Amino acid sequence: MSRWNNMESSNANTSQENPRVLITGGLGQLGVGLAQMLRNQYGPESVILSDIKKPPSHVYASGPFVYADVLDYKHLRELIVNNRITWLVHYSALLSAVGEANVALARKINITGLHNVLDLALENCLRLFVPSTIGAFGPSSPRDPAPDLCVQRPRTIYGVSKVHGELMGEVSNSSNF
């Protein structure tokens, strides 16, 4: 059994204890909405939203926000340890248009950033959520509905990095990674 499979037993929350959640890339398309939902469920201090951009004032007013660059492994580790984080939601990514304009930066953020959070989740026994996207498919992928196992030939660095993330998640979850 891998360390990933043991996370529930080693980091189980009691019924009285709420998760401590860190959301990376929190000012993107999904982060603020997820933070609001989780704060409603677990309390405003249980969820820390992070990004490398300055948030609007309503985000500051809604709960904790910190500057966090997913490329800065040491700082992410400090945030996780100092805030007793138990769940990590990884939204940080450069999407297709921006990523295609700066492929080297997209590789760093989308792939190196992913590896940083995978390593930190393993090191700290965190529950980790890294979403994928329709961008992981390409024009040769079957549609309506796409099967669970199919050809994935994305045409953007964003799509390629999402396929990489899916495969790293499989490897991390199924082996002694």
N, C-alpha and C. Protein backbone atom coordinates (compact mmCIF):
# COMPACT_ATOMS: atom_id res chain seq x y z
N MET A 1 0.85 -1.18 0.00
CA MET A 1 0.00 0.00 0.00
C MET A 1 0.89 1.24 0.00
N SER A 2 0.55 2.22 -0.80
CA SER A 2 1.37 3.42 -0.88
C SER A 2 1.05 4.39 0.26
N ARG A 3 1.92 5.36 0.45
CA ARG A 3 1.66 6.39 1.46
C ARG A 3 0.42 7.19 1.13
N TRP A 4 0.10 7.32 -0.17
CA TRP A 4 -1.11 8.06 -0.57
C TRP A 4 -2.35 7.35 -0.04
N ASN A 5 -2.36 6.01 -0.12
CA ASN A 5 -3.51 5.25 0.33
C ASN A 5 -3.66 5.30 1.85
N ASN A 6 -2.59 5.58 2.56
CA ASN A 6 -2.63 5.64 4.02
C ASN A 6 -3.01 7.00 4.54
N MET A 7 -3.18 7.99 3.67
CA MET A 7 -3.42 9.35 4.13
C MET A 7 -4.66 9.47 4.98
N GLU A 8 -5.73 8.77 4.62
CA GLU A 8 -6.96 8.92 5.40
C GLU A 8 -6.75 8.49 6.84
N SER A 9 -6.02 7.40 7.05
CA SER A 9 -5.82 6.96 8.42
C SER A 9 -4.83 7.83 9.17
N SER A 10 -3.82 8.35 8.49
CA SER A 10 -2.80 9.14 9.18
C SER A 10 -3.21 10.60 9.37
N ASN A 11 -4.19 11.06 8.61
CA ASN A 11 -4.57 12.46 8.67
C ASN A 11 -6.08 12.61 8.79
N ALA A 12 -6.71 11.63 9.41
CA ALA A 12 -8.17 11.67 9.51
C ALA A 12 -8.61 12.78 10.46
N ASN A 13 -9.63 13.51 10.03
CA ASN A 13 -10.20 14.55 10.88
C ASN A 13 -11.26 13.93 11.76
N THR A 14 -11.28 14.30 13.02
CA THR A 14 -12.35 13.85 13.88
C THR A 14 -13.60 14.63 13.52
N SER A 15 -14.75 14.18 14.04
CA SER A 15 -16.00 14.85 13.69
C SER A 15 -16.02 16.29 14.18
N GLN A 16 -15.24 16.62 15.23
CA GLN A 16 -15.21 17.98 15.73
C GLN A 16 -14.19 18.86 15.01
N GLU A 17 -13.30 18.26 14.26
CA GLU A 17 -12.20 19.01 13.64
C GLU A 17 -12.48 19.27 12.16
N ASN A 18 -12.47 20.54 11.76
CA ASN A 18 -12.67 20.89 10.36
C ASN A 18 -11.36 20.80 9.60
N PRO A 19 -11.45 20.54 8.30
CA PRO A 19 -10.22 20.56 7.49
C PRO A 19 -9.65 21.97 7.46
N ARG A 20 -8.36 22.05 7.24
CA ARG A 20 -7.67 23.33 7.02
C ARG A 20 -7.26 23.31 5.56
N VAL A 21 -7.83 24.19 4.77
CA VAL A 21 -7.72 24.13 3.31
C VAL A 21 -6.87 25.28 2.78
N LEU A 22 -5.94 24.95 1.88
CA LEU A 22 -5.18 25.95 1.13
C LEU A 22 -5.57 25.80 -0.33
N ILE A 23 -5.98 26.90 -0.95
CA ILE A 23 -6.33 26.91 -2.38
C ILE A 23 -5.28 27.73 -3.11
N THR A 24 -4.51 27.07 -4.00
CA THR A 24 -3.53 27.80 -4.82
C THR A 24 -4.23 28.32 -6.07
N GLY A 25 -3.73 29.41 -6.63
CA GLY A 25 -4.35 29.99 -7.81
C GLY A 25 -5.78 30.41 -7.54
N GLY A 26 -6.03 30.85 -6.33
CA GLY A 26 -7.37 31.11 -5.85
C GLY A 26 -8.11 32.26 -6.49
N LEU A 27 -7.42 33.14 -7.19
CA LEU A 27 -8.10 34.27 -7.83
C LEU A 27 -8.48 33.98 -9.28
N GLY A 28 -8.30 32.73 -9.70
CA GLY A 28 -8.68 32.35 -11.06
C GLY A 28 -10.17 32.12 -11.18
N GLN A 29 -10.57 31.33 -12.17
CA GLN A 29 -11.98 31.14 -12.50
C GLN A 29 -12.78 30.45 -11.41
N LEU A 30 -12.18 29.61 -10.60
CA LEU A 30 -12.93 28.77 -9.67
C LEU A 30 -12.64 29.02 -8.19
N GLY A 31 -11.51 29.59 -7.86
CA GLY A 31 -11.04 29.65 -6.49
C GLY A 31 -11.92 30.41 -5.52
N VAL A 32 -12.35 31.61 -5.88
CA VAL A 32 -13.13 32.44 -4.95
C VAL A 32 -14.46 31.76 -4.64
N GLY A 33 -15.11 31.18 -5.64
CA GLY A 33 -16.37 30.48 -5.42
C GLY A 33 -16.21 29.26 -4.53
N LEU A 34 -15.15 28.48 -4.76
CA LEU A 34 -14.90 27.32 -3.92
C LEU A 34 -14.58 27.75 -2.49
N ALA A 35 -13.75 28.78 -2.34
CA ALA A 35 -13.42 29.27 -1.00
C ALA A 35 -14.68 29.69 -0.26
N GLN A 36 -15.58 30.38 -0.93
CA GLN A 36 -16.83 30.82 -0.29
C GLN A 36 -17.65 29.61 0.17
N MET A 37 -17.78 28.62 -0.69
CA MET A 37 -18.54 27.42 -0.34
C MET A 37 -17.92 26.70 0.85
N LEU A 38 -16.60 26.49 0.81
CA LEU A 38 -15.92 25.79 1.90
C LEU A 38 -15.94 26.60 3.20
N ARG A 39 -15.84 27.92 3.10
CA ARG A 39 -15.91 28.76 4.30
C ARG A 39 -17.30 28.70 4.92
N ASN A 40 -18.32 28.63 4.10
CA ASN A 40 -19.68 28.48 4.62
C ASN A 40 -19.83 27.16 5.35
N GLN A 41 -19.18 26.12 4.85
CA GLN A 41 -19.31 24.80 5.44
C GLN A 41 -18.40 24.60 6.65
N TYR A 42 -17.16 25.09 6.59
CA TYR A 42 -16.18 24.79 7.64
C TYR A 42 -15.75 26.01 8.47
N GLY A 43 -16.21 27.18 8.10
CA GLY A 43 -15.83 28.40 8.82
C GLY A 43 -14.82 29.21 8.02
N PRO A 44 -14.90 30.54 8.13
CA PRO A 44 -14.05 31.40 7.29
C PRO A 44 -12.56 31.24 7.56
N GLU A 45 -12.17 30.90 8.77
CA GLU A 45 -10.75 30.77 9.09
C GLU A 45 -10.16 29.42 8.67
N SER A 46 -11.01 28.50 8.22
CA SER A 46 -10.54 27.16 7.83
C SER A 46 -10.02 27.10 6.40
N VAL A 47 -10.24 28.17 5.64
CA VAL A 47 -9.87 28.16 4.22
C VAL A 47 -8.97 29.36 3.92
N ILE A 48 -7.79 29.07 3.39
CA ILE A 48 -6.85 30.13 3.01
C ILE A 48 -6.78 30.16 1.49
N LEU A 49 -7.14 31.29 0.94
CA LEU A 49 -7.06 31.52 -0.50
C LEU A 49 -5.68 32.09 -0.80
N SER A 50 -5.05 31.64 -1.88
CA SER A 50 -3.74 32.17 -2.23
C SER A 50 -3.63 32.41 -3.72
N ASP A 51 -2.74 33.32 -4.07
CA ASP A 51 -2.45 33.62 -5.47
C ASP A 51 -1.21 34.51 -5.49
N ILE A 52 -0.77 34.87 -6.70
CA ILE A 52 0.37 35.79 -6.83
C ILE A 52 -0.09 37.18 -7.24
N LYS A 53 -1.41 37.36 -7.31
CA LYS A 53 -1.98 38.67 -7.65
C LYS A 53 -2.62 39.29 -6.41
N LYS A 54 -2.75 40.59 -6.44
CA LYS A 54 -3.43 41.29 -5.35
C LYS A 54 -4.93 41.09 -5.53
N PRO A 55 -5.61 40.62 -4.48
CA PRO A 55 -7.05 40.39 -4.62
C PRO A 55 -7.86 41.66 -4.44
N PRO A 56 -9.09 41.66 -4.95
CA PRO A 56 -9.98 42.79 -4.67
C PRO A 56 -10.34 42.82 -3.19
N SER A 57 -10.80 43.94 -2.71
CA SER A 57 -11.05 44.12 -1.27
C SER A 57 -12.09 43.14 -0.73
N HIS A 58 -13.09 42.76 -1.53
CA HIS A 58 -14.09 41.82 -1.02
C HIS A 58 -13.49 40.44 -0.73
N VAL A 59 -12.42 40.08 -1.42
CA VAL A 59 -11.75 38.80 -1.15
C VAL A 59 -11.05 38.87 0.20
N TYR A 60 -10.35 39.98 0.48
CA TYR A 60 -9.73 40.16 1.80
C TYR A 60 -10.76 40.09 2.92
N ALA A 61 -11.93 40.68 2.67
CA ALA A 61 -12.96 40.74 3.71
C ALA A 61 -13.62 39.38 3.96
N SER A 62 -13.54 38.47 3.00
CA SER A 62 -14.25 37.20 3.12
C SER A 62 -13.50 36.13 3.90
N GLY A 63 -12.21 36.32 4.14
CA GLY A 63 -11.42 35.33 4.88
C GLY A 63 -9.95 35.46 4.54
N PRO A 64 -9.13 34.58 5.12
CA PRO A 64 -7.69 34.69 4.93
C PRO A 64 -7.25 34.59 3.46
N PHE A 65 -6.30 35.46 3.12
CA PHE A 65 -5.66 35.44 1.80
C PHE A 65 -4.17 35.61 2.02
N VAL A 66 -3.36 34.81 1.30
CA VAL A 66 -1.91 34.95 1.38
C VAL A 66 -1.31 34.93 -0.02
N TYR A 67 -0.19 35.59 -0.15
CA TYR A 67 0.60 35.50 -1.38
C TYR A 67 1.29 34.14 -1.37
N ALA A 68 1.14 33.38 -2.44
CA ALA A 68 1.83 32.10 -2.55
C ALA A 68 2.12 31.79 -4.01
N ASP A 69 3.38 31.59 -4.30
CA ASP A 69 3.84 31.22 -5.63
C ASP A 69 4.12 29.72 -5.61
N VAL A 70 3.44 28.95 -6.47
CA VAL A 70 3.61 27.49 -6.45
C VAL A 70 5.02 27.06 -6.85
N LEU A 71 5.80 27.98 -7.38
CA LEU A 71 7.19 27.66 -7.72
C LEU A 71 8.12 27.80 -6.52
N ASP A 72 7.64 28.39 -5.45
CA ASP A 72 8.44 28.60 -4.24
C ASP A 72 8.11 27.50 -3.23
N TYR A 73 8.80 26.37 -3.38
CA TYR A 73 8.55 25.18 -2.57
C TYR A 73 8.68 25.46 -1.07
N LYS A 74 9.73 26.16 -0.71
CA LYS A 74 9.99 26.43 0.71
C LYS A 74 8.86 27.26 1.33
N HIS A 75 8.41 28.28 0.63
CA HIS A 75 7.33 29.12 1.15
C HIS A 75 6.02 28.34 1.24
N LEU A 76 5.72 27.50 0.24
CA LEU A 76 4.52 26.67 0.31
C LEU A 76 4.58 25.73 1.51
N ARG A 77 5.74 25.15 1.73
CA ARG A 77 5.90 24.26 2.89
C ARG A 77 5.64 25.02 4.18
N GLU A 78 6.18 26.21 4.29
CA GLU A 78 5.94 27.02 5.50
C GLU A 78 4.46 27.32 5.69
N LEU A 79 3.76 27.67 4.61
CA LEU A 79 2.32 27.93 4.70
C LEU A 79 1.57 26.69 5.18
N ILE A 80 1.92 25.55 4.64
CA ILE A 80 1.25 24.30 5.00
C ILE A 80 1.50 23.95 6.46
N VAL A 81 2.74 24.03 6.88
CA VAL A 81 3.09 23.67 8.26
C VAL A 81 2.54 24.70 9.25
N ASN A 82 2.79 25.97 9.01
CA ASN A 82 2.39 27.01 9.96
C ASN A 82 0.88 27.16 10.09
N ASN A 83 0.13 26.79 9.06
CA ASN A 83 -1.32 26.92 9.09
C ASN A 83 -2.04 25.58 9.28
N ARG A 84 -1.27 24.55 9.56
CA ARG A 84 -1.82 23.21 9.82
C ARG A 84 -2.76 22.76 8.70
N ILE A 85 -2.35 22.96 7.46
CA ILE A 85 -3.16 22.61 6.30
C ILE A 85 -3.33 21.09 6.23
N THR A 86 -4.56 20.66 5.95
CA THR A 86 -4.85 19.24 5.78
C THR A 86 -5.36 18.91 4.37
N TRP A 87 -5.94 19.91 3.69
CA TRP A 87 -6.40 19.75 2.31
C TRP A 87 -5.74 20.81 1.44
N LEU A 88 -5.33 20.41 0.24
CA LEU A 88 -4.74 21.35 -0.71
C LEU A 88 -5.50 21.25 -2.03
N VAL A 89 -6.02 22.37 -2.49
CA VAL A 89 -6.70 22.45 -3.78
C VAL A 89 -5.78 23.24 -4.70
N HIS A 90 -5.32 22.59 -5.76
CA HIS A 90 -4.33 23.18 -6.64
C HIS A 90 -4.99 23.67 -7.93
N TYR A 91 -5.25 24.98 -7.99
CA TYR A 91 -5.83 25.60 -9.18
C TYR A 91 -4.80 26.39 -9.99
N SER A 92 -3.61 26.61 -9.47
CA SER A 92 -2.62 27.44 -10.18
C SER A 92 -2.29 26.84 -11.54
N ALA A 93 -2.44 27.64 -12.58
CA ALA A 93 -2.09 27.21 -13.93
C ALA A 93 -2.16 28.41 -14.86
N LEU A 94 -1.35 28.34 -15.91
CA LEU A 94 -1.51 29.29 -17.01
C LEU A 94 -2.40 28.59 -18.04
N LEU A 95 -3.51 29.21 -18.38
CA LEU A 95 -4.45 28.62 -19.32
C LEU A 95 -3.92 28.72 -20.75
N SER A 96 -4.67 28.19 -21.68
CA SER A 96 -4.20 28.01 -23.06
C SER A 96 -3.64 29.27 -23.72
N ALA A 97 -4.39 30.35 -23.78
CA ALA A 97 -3.94 31.53 -24.53
C ALA A 97 -2.67 32.11 -23.95
N VAL A 98 -2.63 32.30 -22.65
CA VAL A 98 -1.44 32.86 -22.00
C VAL A 98 -0.29 31.86 -22.07
N GLY A 99 -0.59 30.59 -21.87
CA GLY A 99 0.44 29.56 -21.92
C GLY A 99 1.10 29.43 -23.28
N GLU A 100 0.31 29.56 -24.34
CA GLU A 100 0.88 29.47 -25.68
C GLU A 100 1.76 30.68 -25.99
N ALA A 101 1.46 31.81 -25.37
CA ALA A 101 2.27 33.01 -25.57
C ALA A 101 3.59 32.93 -24.81
N ASN A 102 3.65 32.10 -23.76
CA ASN A 102 4.86 31.96 -22.96
C ASN A 102 4.97 30.51 -22.49
N VAL A 103 5.37 29.63 -23.40
CA VAL A 103 5.42 28.19 -23.14
C VAL A 103 6.37 27.85 -21.99
N ALA A 104 7.51 28.52 -21.91
CA ALA A 104 8.47 28.21 -20.84
C ALA A 104 7.86 28.51 -19.47
N LEU A 105 7.18 29.63 -19.33
CA LEU A 105 6.54 29.96 -18.06
C LEU A 105 5.40 28.99 -17.76
N ALA A 106 4.64 28.63 -18.78
CA ALA A 106 3.54 27.66 -18.60
C ALA A 106 4.08 26.32 -18.12
N ARG A 107 5.20 25.88 -18.69
CA ARG A 107 5.82 24.62 -18.22
C ARG A 107 6.19 24.72 -16.76
N LYS A 108 6.79 25.85 -16.37
CA LYS A 108 7.19 26.02 -14.97
C LYS A 108 5.98 25.96 -14.04
N ILE A 109 4.99 26.80 -14.32
CA ILE A 109 3.83 26.90 -13.42
C ILE A 109 2.99 25.63 -13.46
N ASN A 110 2.69 25.15 -14.65
CA ASN A 110 1.76 24.04 -14.77
C ASN A 110 2.38 22.69 -14.42
N ILE A 111 3.66 22.51 -14.66
CA ILE A 111 4.28 21.21 -14.40
C ILE A 111 5.14 21.24 -13.14
N THR A 112 6.06 22.20 -13.03
CA THR A 112 6.88 22.28 -11.81
C THR A 112 6.00 22.61 -10.60
N GLY A 113 5.04 23.51 -10.78
CA GLY A 113 4.11 23.82 -9.69
C GLY A 113 3.33 22.59 -9.25
N LEU A 114 2.87 21.78 -10.21
CA LEU A 114 2.19 20.53 -9.89
C LEU A 114 3.10 19.60 -9.09
N HIS A 115 4.34 19.44 -9.55
CA HIS A 115 5.27 18.56 -8.84
C HIS A 115 5.50 19.06 -7.41
N ASN A 116 5.58 20.37 -7.23
CA ASN A 116 5.74 20.92 -5.88
C ASN A 116 4.58 20.53 -4.98
N VAL A 117 3.35 20.69 -5.46
CA VAL A 117 2.21 20.36 -4.60
C VAL A 117 2.07 18.86 -4.40
N LEU A 118 2.40 18.05 -5.40
CA LEU A 118 2.39 16.60 -5.21
C LEU A 118 3.37 16.20 -4.12
N ASP A 119 4.58 16.75 -4.18
CA ASP A 119 5.60 16.42 -3.18
C ASP A 119 5.19 16.90 -1.79
N LEU A 120 4.64 18.10 -1.71
CA LEU A 120 4.22 18.63 -0.41
C LEU A 120 3.04 17.86 0.16
N ALA A 121 2.12 17.45 -0.70
CA ALA A 121 0.99 16.65 -0.23
C ALA A 121 1.47 15.32 0.33
N LEU A 122 2.41 14.70 -0.34
CA LEU A 122 2.96 13.43 0.13
C LEU A 122 3.72 13.63 1.44
N GLU A 123 4.56 14.64 1.46
CA GLU A 123 5.40 14.92 2.63
C GLU A 123 4.56 15.24 3.88
N ASN A 124 3.41 15.89 3.68
CA ASN A 124 2.59 16.35 4.81
C ASN A 124 1.27 15.61 4.95
N CYS A 125 1.12 14.50 4.23
CA CYS A 125 -0.09 13.66 4.30
C CYS A 125 -1.36 14.48 4.07
N LEU A 126 -1.36 15.29 3.01
CA LEU A 126 -2.51 16.13 2.70
C LEU A 126 -3.45 15.44 1.74
N ARG A 127 -4.72 15.77 1.83
CA ARG A 127 -5.65 15.43 0.78
C ARG A 127 -5.42 16.46 -0.32
N LEU A 128 -5.31 15.99 -1.55
CA LEU A 128 -4.96 16.87 -2.67
C LEU A 128 -5.99 16.75 -3.77
N PHE A 129 -6.46 17.90 -4.26
CA PHE A 129 -7.35 17.94 -5.41
C PHE A 129 -6.70 18.78 -6.49
N VAL A 130 -6.49 18.17 -7.66
CA VAL A 130 -5.95 18.86 -8.83
C VAL A 130 -6.92 18.58 -9.97
N PRO A 131 -7.70 19.57 -10.38
CA PRO A 131 -8.69 19.31 -11.44
C PRO A 131 -8.03 19.16 -12.80
N SER A 132 -8.70 18.41 -13.65
CA SER A 132 -8.30 18.36 -15.05
C SER A 132 -9.27 19.23 -15.85
N THR A 133 -9.30 19.05 -17.14
CA THR A 133 -10.09 19.93 -17.99
C THR A 133 -10.35 19.28 -19.33
N ILE A 134 -11.33 19.80 -20.04
CA ILE A 134 -11.59 19.38 -21.41
C ILE A 134 -10.37 19.64 -22.29
N GLY A 135 -9.51 20.59 -21.86
CA GLY A 135 -8.29 20.91 -22.61
C GLY A 135 -7.31 19.75 -22.69
N ALA A 136 -7.52 18.71 -21.85
CA ALA A 136 -6.64 17.53 -21.87
C ALA A 136 -6.92 16.66 -23.09
N PHE A 137 -8.02 16.91 -23.77
CA PHE A 137 -8.36 16.15 -24.97
C PHE A 137 -7.92 16.93 -26.20
N GLY A 138 -7.82 16.25 -27.29
CA GLY A 138 -7.47 16.91 -28.54
C GLY A 138 -8.51 16.61 -29.59
N PRO A 139 -8.29 17.08 -30.80
CA PRO A 139 -9.28 16.88 -31.87
C PRO A 139 -9.50 15.41 -32.22
N SER A 140 -8.55 14.52 -31.92
CA SER A 140 -8.72 13.10 -32.25
C SER A 140 -9.36 12.32 -31.11
N SER A 141 -9.70 12.97 -30.02
CA SER A 141 -10.34 12.28 -28.89
C SER A 141 -11.82 12.03 -29.20
N PRO A 142 -12.34 10.85 -28.80
CA PRO A 142 -13.77 10.59 -29.01
C PRO A 142 -14.63 11.53 -28.17
N ARG A 143 -15.82 11.83 -28.64
CA ARG A 143 -16.72 12.77 -27.95
C ARG A 143 -18.07 12.11 -27.67
N ASP A 144 -18.83 12.79 -26.84
CA ASP A 144 -20.26 12.52 -26.58
C ASP A 144 -20.61 11.07 -26.27
N PRO A 145 -20.37 10.55 -25.17
CA PRO A 145 -19.48 11.04 -24.13
C PRO A 145 -18.07 10.50 -24.35
N ALA A 146 -17.10 11.20 -23.83
CA ALA A 146 -15.72 10.72 -23.90
C ALA A 146 -15.57 9.55 -22.92
N PRO A 147 -15.01 8.43 -23.36
CA PRO A 147 -14.83 7.30 -22.45
C PRO A 147 -13.76 7.61 -21.40
N ASP A 148 -13.74 6.84 -20.32
CA ASP A 148 -12.74 7.04 -19.27
C ASP A 148 -11.32 6.84 -19.79
N LEU A 149 -11.14 5.87 -20.66
CA LEU A 149 -9.83 5.61 -21.25
C LEU A 149 -9.93 5.91 -22.74
N CYS A 150 -9.20 6.92 -23.19
CA CYS A 150 -9.24 7.27 -24.61
C CYS A 150 -7.98 8.03 -25.00
N VAL A 151 -7.84 8.27 -26.27
CA VAL A 151 -6.70 9.01 -26.80
C VAL A 151 -6.79 10.46 -26.31
N GLN A 152 -5.70 10.94 -25.77
CA GLN A 152 -5.61 12.34 -25.35
C GLN A 152 -4.40 12.94 -26.06
N ARG A 153 -4.66 13.75 -27.05
CA ARG A 153 -3.60 14.39 -27.84
C ARG A 153 -3.85 15.89 -27.88
N PRO A 154 -3.69 16.57 -26.73
CA PRO A 154 -3.96 18.01 -26.70
C PRO A 154 -2.99 18.77 -27.59
N ARG A 155 -3.42 19.95 -28.01
CA ARG A 155 -2.62 20.77 -28.91
C ARG A 155 -2.06 22.02 -28.24
N THR A 156 -2.24 22.14 -26.92
CA THR A 156 -1.72 23.32 -26.20
C THR A 156 -0.87 22.85 -25.02
N ILE A 157 0.02 23.71 -24.55
CA ILE A 157 0.84 23.39 -23.39
C ILE A 157 -0.05 23.20 -22.16
N TYR A 158 -1.14 23.94 -22.07
CA TYR A 158 -2.08 23.77 -20.97
C TYR A 158 -2.67 22.36 -20.99
N GLY A 159 -3.14 21.91 -22.14
CA GLY A 159 -3.69 20.57 -22.26
C GLY A 159 -2.66 19.50 -21.97
N VAL A 160 -1.46 19.67 -22.50
CA VAL A 160 -0.38 18.71 -22.25
C VAL A 160 -0.08 18.64 -20.75
N SER A 161 -0.05 19.79 -20.09
CA SER A 161 0.25 19.79 -18.65
C SER A 161 -0.88 19.14 -17.86
N LYS A 162 -2.12 19.24 -18.31
CA LYS A 162 -3.23 18.58 -17.62
C LYS A 162 -3.17 17.07 -17.80
N VAL A 163 -2.81 16.59 -18.98
CA VAL A 163 -2.62 15.15 -19.17
C VAL A 163 -1.49 14.67 -18.26
N HIS A 164 -0.41 15.43 -18.21
CA HIS A 164 0.71 15.10 -17.31
C HIS A 164 0.21 15.01 -15.87
N GLY A 165 -0.62 15.96 -15.47
CA GLY A 165 -1.17 15.95 -14.11
C GLY A 165 -2.03 14.73 -13.84
N GLU A 166 -2.85 14.34 -14.81
CA GLU A 166 -3.67 13.14 -14.65
C GLU A 166 -2.79 11.91 -14.46
N LEU A 167 -1.76 11.79 -15.29
CA LEU A 167 -0.88 10.63 -15.21
C LEU A 167 -0.07 10.63 -13.91
N MET A 168 0.40 11.79 -13.49
CA MET A 168 1.13 11.86 -12.21
C MET A 168 0.22 11.50 -11.04
N GLY A 169 -1.04 11.90 -11.12
CA GLY A 169 -2.00 11.52 -10.08
C GLY A 169 -2.20 10.03 -10.02
N GLU A 170 -2.31 9.38 -11.19
CA GLU A 170 -2.45 7.92 -11.22
C GLU A 170 -1.24 7.23 -10.63
N VAL A 171 -0.05 7.66 -11.03
CA VAL A 171 1.18 7.05 -10.54
C VAL A 171 1.31 7.28 -9.04
N SER A 172 1.04 8.50 -8.59
CA SER A 172 1.17 8.84 -7.19
C SER A 172 0.19 8.05 -6.33
N ASN A 173 -0.97 7.77 -6.85
CA ASN A 173 -2.01 7.10 -6.08
C ASN A 173 -1.89 5.59 -6.10
N SER A 174 -1.17 5.05 -7.07
CA SER A 174 -1.15 3.60 -7.23
C SER A 174 0.19 2.93 -6.95
N SER A 175 1.18 3.70 -6.52
CA SER A 175 2.50 3.09 -6.30
C SER A 175 3.12 3.63 -5.02
N ASN A 176 4.29 3.15 -4.73
CA ASN A 176 5.05 3.66 -3.59
C ASN A 176 5.85 4.86 -4.03
N PHE A 177 5.19 5.85 -4.50
CA PHE A 177 5.74 7.08 -5.10
C PHE A 177 6.66 7.81 -4.16
